[in-house]
N, C-alpha and C. Protein backbone atom coordinates (compact mmCIF):
# COMPACT_ATOMS: atom_id res chain seq x y z
N UNK A 1 0.83 -1.17 0.00
CA UNK A 1 0.00 0.00 0.00
C UNK A 1 0.89 1.25 0.00
N UNK A 2 0.56 2.22 -0.80
CA UNK A 2 1.33 3.45 -0.91
C UNK A 2 0.53 4.59 -0.28
N UNK A 3 1.18 5.33 0.62
CA UNK A 3 0.57 6.48 1.26
C UNK A 3 1.33 7.72 0.83
N UNK A 4 0.63 8.74 0.33
CA UNK A 4 1.26 10.00 -0.05
C UNK A 4 0.92 11.03 1.02
N UNK A 5 1.95 11.73 1.48
CA UNK A 5 1.77 12.70 2.57
C UNK A 5 2.62 13.93 2.30
N UNK A 6 2.12 15.09 2.69
CA UNK A 6 2.83 16.35 2.52
C UNK A 6 4.01 16.40 3.49
N UNK A 7 5.09 17.05 3.11
CA UNK A 7 6.30 17.10 3.93
C UNK A 7 6.02 17.76 5.27
N UNK A 8 5.24 18.81 5.31
CA UNK A 8 4.95 19.49 6.58
C UNK A 8 4.26 18.55 7.56
N UNK A 9 3.33 17.76 7.06
CA UNK A 9 2.64 16.80 7.93
C UNK A 9 3.56 15.65 8.31
N UNK A 10 4.46 15.27 7.40
CA UNK A 10 5.39 14.18 7.67
C UNK A 10 6.34 14.54 8.81
N UNK A 11 6.70 15.82 8.92
CA UNK A 11 7.59 16.24 10.01
C UNK A 11 6.94 15.96 11.36
N UNK A 12 5.65 16.19 11.45
CA UNK A 12 4.94 15.98 12.72
C UNK A 12 4.68 14.51 13.00
N UNK A 13 4.61 13.67 11.95
CA UNK A 13 4.25 12.26 12.12
C UNK A 13 5.37 11.32 11.72
N UNK A 14 6.62 11.73 11.82
CA UNK A 14 7.73 10.92 11.33
C UNK A 14 7.78 9.55 11.98
N UNK A 15 7.62 9.46 13.28
CA UNK A 15 7.68 8.16 13.96
C UNK A 15 6.62 7.21 13.43
N UNK A 16 5.41 7.69 13.23
CA UNK A 16 4.33 6.85 12.71
C UNK A 16 4.61 6.42 11.27
N UNK A 17 5.22 7.29 10.48
CA UNK A 17 5.54 6.94 9.10
C UNK A 17 6.64 5.89 9.04
N UNK A 18 7.59 5.97 9.95
CA UNK A 18 8.65 4.96 9.99
C UNK A 18 8.07 3.61 10.41
N UNK A 19 7.17 3.61 11.36
CA UNK A 19 6.52 2.36 11.76
C UNK A 19 5.74 1.76 10.60
N UNK A 20 5.08 2.61 9.80
CA UNK A 20 4.35 2.12 8.63
C UNK A 20 5.31 1.49 7.63
N UNK A 21 6.46 2.09 7.43
CA UNK A 21 7.47 1.53 6.52
C UNK A 21 7.97 0.19 7.04
N UNK A 22 8.15 0.06 8.36
CA UNK A 22 8.59 -1.20 8.94
C UNK A 22 7.54 -2.31 8.73
N UNK A 23 6.28 -1.94 8.64
CA UNK A 23 5.22 -2.91 8.38
C UNK A 23 5.14 -3.29 6.91
N UNK A 24 5.93 -2.65 6.07
CA UNK A 24 5.95 -2.97 4.66
C UNK A 24 5.23 -1.97 3.77
N UNK A 25 4.69 -0.93 4.36
CA UNK A 25 4.02 0.09 3.56
C UNK A 25 5.05 1.03 2.95
N UNK A 26 4.68 1.65 1.84
CA UNK A 26 5.54 2.64 1.20
C UNK A 26 4.91 4.01 1.43
N UNK A 27 5.71 4.94 1.92
CA UNK A 27 5.24 6.29 2.20
C UNK A 27 5.94 7.24 1.23
N UNK A 28 5.14 8.00 0.46
CA UNK A 28 5.69 8.95 -0.50
C UNK A 28 5.53 10.35 0.08
N UNK A 29 6.63 11.08 0.15
CA UNK A 29 6.60 12.46 0.62
C UNK A 29 6.42 13.38 -0.58
N UNK A 30 5.51 14.34 -0.43
CA UNK A 30 5.20 15.23 -1.55
C UNK A 30 5.38 16.68 -1.14
N UNK A 31 5.81 17.49 -2.10
CA UNK A 31 5.90 18.94 -1.91
C UNK A 31 4.97 19.56 -2.95
N UNK A 32 3.98 20.28 -2.48
CA UNK A 32 2.96 20.89 -3.34
C UNK A 32 2.28 19.84 -4.21
N UNK A 33 2.07 18.66 -3.64
CA UNK A 33 1.37 17.59 -4.34
C UNK A 33 2.22 16.78 -5.29
N UNK A 34 3.50 17.13 -5.46
CA UNK A 34 4.39 16.39 -6.36
C UNK A 34 5.29 15.49 -5.54
N UNK A 35 5.37 14.21 -5.84
CA UNK A 35 6.23 13.28 -5.10
C UNK A 35 7.70 13.68 -5.21
N UNK A 36 8.40 13.69 -4.06
CA UNK A 36 9.83 14.04 -4.07
C UNK A 36 10.70 13.01 -3.37
N UNK A 37 10.12 12.19 -2.49
CA UNK A 37 10.93 11.21 -1.76
C UNK A 37 10.05 10.04 -1.35
N UNK A 38 10.70 8.96 -0.93
CA UNK A 38 10.00 7.76 -0.55
C UNK A 38 10.59 7.21 0.74
N UNK A 39 9.75 6.75 1.64
CA UNK A 39 10.21 6.09 2.86
C UNK A 39 9.81 4.63 2.73
N UNK A 40 10.80 3.75 2.75
CA UNK A 40 10.55 2.30 2.67
C UNK A 40 11.40 1.61 3.72
N UNK A 41 11.07 0.38 4.03
CA UNK A 41 11.85 -0.38 5.00
C UNK A 41 13.24 -0.66 4.43
N UNK A 42 14.22 -0.65 5.30
CA UNK A 42 15.60 -0.91 4.91
C UNK A 42 15.80 -2.41 4.77
N UNK A 43 16.28 -2.84 3.61
CA UNK A 43 16.56 -4.26 3.38
C UNK A 43 18.03 -4.50 3.68
N UNK A 44 18.29 -5.28 4.71
CA UNK A 44 19.67 -5.56 5.10
C UNK A 44 20.36 -6.42 4.04
N UNK A 45 21.60 -6.12 3.75
CA UNK A 45 22.38 -6.87 2.79
C UNK A 45 22.83 -8.17 3.42
N UNK A 46 22.72 -9.26 2.68
CA UNK A 46 23.14 -10.55 3.20
C UNK A 46 24.65 -10.58 3.37
N UNK A 47 25.10 -11.19 4.44
CA UNK A 47 26.54 -11.30 4.69
C UNK A 47 27.15 -12.31 3.72
N UNK A 48 28.36 -12.03 3.30
CA UNK A 48 29.08 -12.96 2.43
C UNK A 48 29.63 -14.11 3.25
N UNK A 49 29.53 -15.30 2.70
CA UNK A 49 30.05 -16.48 3.40
C UNK A 49 31.20 -17.08 2.61
N UNK A 50 32.37 -17.22 3.22
CA UNK A 50 33.47 -17.88 2.52
C UNK A 50 33.14 -19.34 2.26
N UNK A 51 33.52 -19.83 1.11
CA UNK A 51 33.31 -21.24 0.79
C UNK A 51 31.96 -21.56 0.20
N UNK A 52 31.20 -20.56 -0.17
CA UNK A 52 29.86 -20.84 -0.68
C UNK A 52 29.91 -21.56 -2.03
N UNK A 53 30.97 -21.35 -2.83
CA UNK A 53 31.06 -22.05 -4.11
C UNK A 53 31.19 -23.55 -3.90
N UNK A 54 31.93 -23.97 -2.89
CA UNK A 54 32.05 -25.41 -2.61
C UNK A 54 30.72 -25.98 -2.16
N UNK A 55 29.96 -25.20 -1.40
CA UNK A 55 28.63 -25.64 -0.98
C UNK A 55 27.71 -25.81 -2.18
N UNK A 56 27.97 -25.04 -3.23
CA UNK A 56 27.13 -25.11 -4.43
C UNK A 56 27.62 -26.19 -5.40
N UNK A 57 28.68 -26.90 -5.05
CA UNK A 57 29.15 -28.00 -5.87
C UNK A 57 30.38 -27.73 -6.71
N UNK A 58 31.00 -26.56 -6.59
CA UNK A 58 32.20 -26.27 -7.36
C UNK A 58 33.35 -27.10 -6.82
N UNK A 59 34.06 -27.81 -7.70
CA UNK A 59 35.13 -28.70 -7.26
C UNK A 59 36.52 -28.14 -7.50
N UNK A 60 36.63 -26.97 -8.06
CA UNK A 60 37.93 -26.34 -8.21
C UNK A 60 38.52 -26.42 -9.59
N UNK A 61 37.87 -27.04 -10.54
CA UNK A 61 38.36 -27.13 -11.91
C UNK A 61 37.30 -26.61 -12.85
N UNK A 62 37.53 -25.79 -13.77
CA UNK A 62 38.70 -24.94 -13.92
C UNK A 62 38.66 -23.81 -12.89
N UNK A 63 39.81 -23.22 -12.71
CA UNK A 63 39.86 -22.14 -11.74
C UNK A 63 39.03 -20.97 -12.24
N UNK A 64 38.42 -20.24 -11.35
CA UNK A 64 37.58 -19.12 -11.81
C UNK A 64 38.37 -18.02 -12.49
N UNK A 65 39.69 -17.99 -12.28
CA UNK A 65 40.50 -16.93 -12.90
C UNK A 65 40.69 -17.14 -14.39
N UNK A 66 40.43 -18.35 -14.88
CA UNK A 66 40.55 -18.59 -16.31
C UNK A 66 39.55 -17.77 -17.11
N UNK A 67 38.49 -17.36 -16.49
CA UNK A 67 37.51 -16.54 -17.17
C UNK A 67 38.08 -15.17 -17.54
N UNK A 68 39.14 -14.76 -16.85
CA UNK A 68 39.74 -13.45 -17.10
C UNK A 68 40.96 -13.51 -18.00
N UNK A 69 41.34 -14.70 -18.44
CA UNK A 69 42.47 -14.83 -19.34
C UNK A 69 42.06 -14.34 -20.73
N UNK A 70 42.99 -13.72 -21.47
CA UNK A 70 42.65 -13.24 -22.81
C UNK A 70 42.39 -14.41 -23.77
N UNK A 71 41.49 -14.21 -24.70
CA UNK A 71 41.16 -15.21 -25.70
C UNK A 71 42.24 -15.17 -26.78
N UNK A 72 42.94 -16.28 -27.01
CA UNK A 72 44.04 -16.25 -28.00
C UNK A 72 43.56 -15.91 -29.41
N UNK A 73 42.31 -16.20 -29.74
CA UNK A 73 41.81 -15.86 -31.07
C UNK A 73 41.69 -14.36 -31.27
N UNK A 74 41.55 -13.62 -30.20
CA UNK A 74 41.33 -12.18 -30.30
C UNK A 74 42.53 -11.35 -29.85
N UNK A 75 43.64 -11.99 -29.52
CA UNK A 75 44.80 -11.24 -29.04
C UNK A 75 46.04 -11.44 -29.91
N UNK A 76 45.87 -11.97 -31.11
CA UNK A 76 47.02 -12.19 -31.99
C UNK A 76 47.70 -10.89 -32.36
N UNK A 77 46.96 -9.82 -32.42
CA UNK A 77 47.53 -8.52 -32.79
C UNK A 77 48.49 -7.99 -31.74
N UNK A 78 48.45 -8.50 -30.53
CA UNK A 78 49.31 -7.99 -29.46
C UNK A 78 50.78 -8.23 -29.78
N UNK A 79 51.11 -9.36 -30.40
CA UNK A 79 52.50 -9.70 -30.69
C UNK A 79 53.02 -9.06 -31.97
N UNK A 80 52.15 -8.41 -32.73
CA UNK A 80 52.61 -7.77 -33.97
C UNK A 80 53.43 -6.53 -33.63
N UNK A 81 54.49 -6.26 -34.41
CA UNK A 81 55.29 -5.07 -34.15
C UNK A 81 54.49 -3.80 -34.47
N UNK A 82 54.80 -2.76 -33.74
CA UNK A 82 54.13 -1.49 -33.93
C UNK A 82 54.90 -0.69 -34.97
N UNK A 83 54.20 -0.21 -35.98
CA UNK A 83 54.84 0.57 -37.03
C UNK A 83 55.21 1.94 -36.47
N UNK A 84 56.39 2.45 -36.81
CA UNK A 84 56.78 3.76 -36.31
C UNK A 84 55.90 4.85 -36.91
N UNK A 85 55.68 5.90 -36.14
CA UNK A 85 54.90 7.02 -36.63
C UNK A 85 55.71 7.82 -37.63
N UNK A 86 55.09 8.21 -38.70
CA UNK A 86 55.76 8.99 -39.72
C UNK A 86 55.50 10.47 -39.50
N UNK A 87 56.53 11.26 -39.67
CA UNK A 87 56.36 12.70 -39.56
C UNK A 87 55.66 13.22 -40.81
N UNK A 88 55.25 14.46 -40.80
CA UNK A 88 54.58 15.07 -41.94
C UNK A 88 55.48 15.05 -43.19
N UNK A 89 56.78 15.26 -43.01
CA UNK A 89 57.71 15.29 -44.14
C UNK A 89 57.86 13.90 -44.74
N UNK A 90 57.86 12.86 -43.88
CA UNK A 90 58.04 11.50 -44.39
C UNK A 90 56.79 11.01 -45.13
N UNK A 91 55.61 11.57 -44.77
CA UNK A 91 54.38 11.15 -45.42
C UNK A 91 54.30 11.66 -46.84
N UNK A 92 55.01 12.73 -47.20
CA UNK A 92 54.97 13.32 -48.54
C UNK A 92 55.77 12.56 -49.49
């Protein structure tokens, strides 16, 4: 459920609006009838757990770093020599 409330009224009822957000309601703050902000419940970020890949069945082959290795089909130009830059006089 979305509740729209004027900022002046929200100042007086901030505690009640926060409780509404904690219950899962969305509160929209408006200035002159135009929405400018939203109060919603804070969703906590899940903590990272070391070793979760092994829990998901990863056995260690291939290493995940291989995904960052350059593709040999697309890097052949790297070993080609760089042509020297020609000055304006040499181009004539």
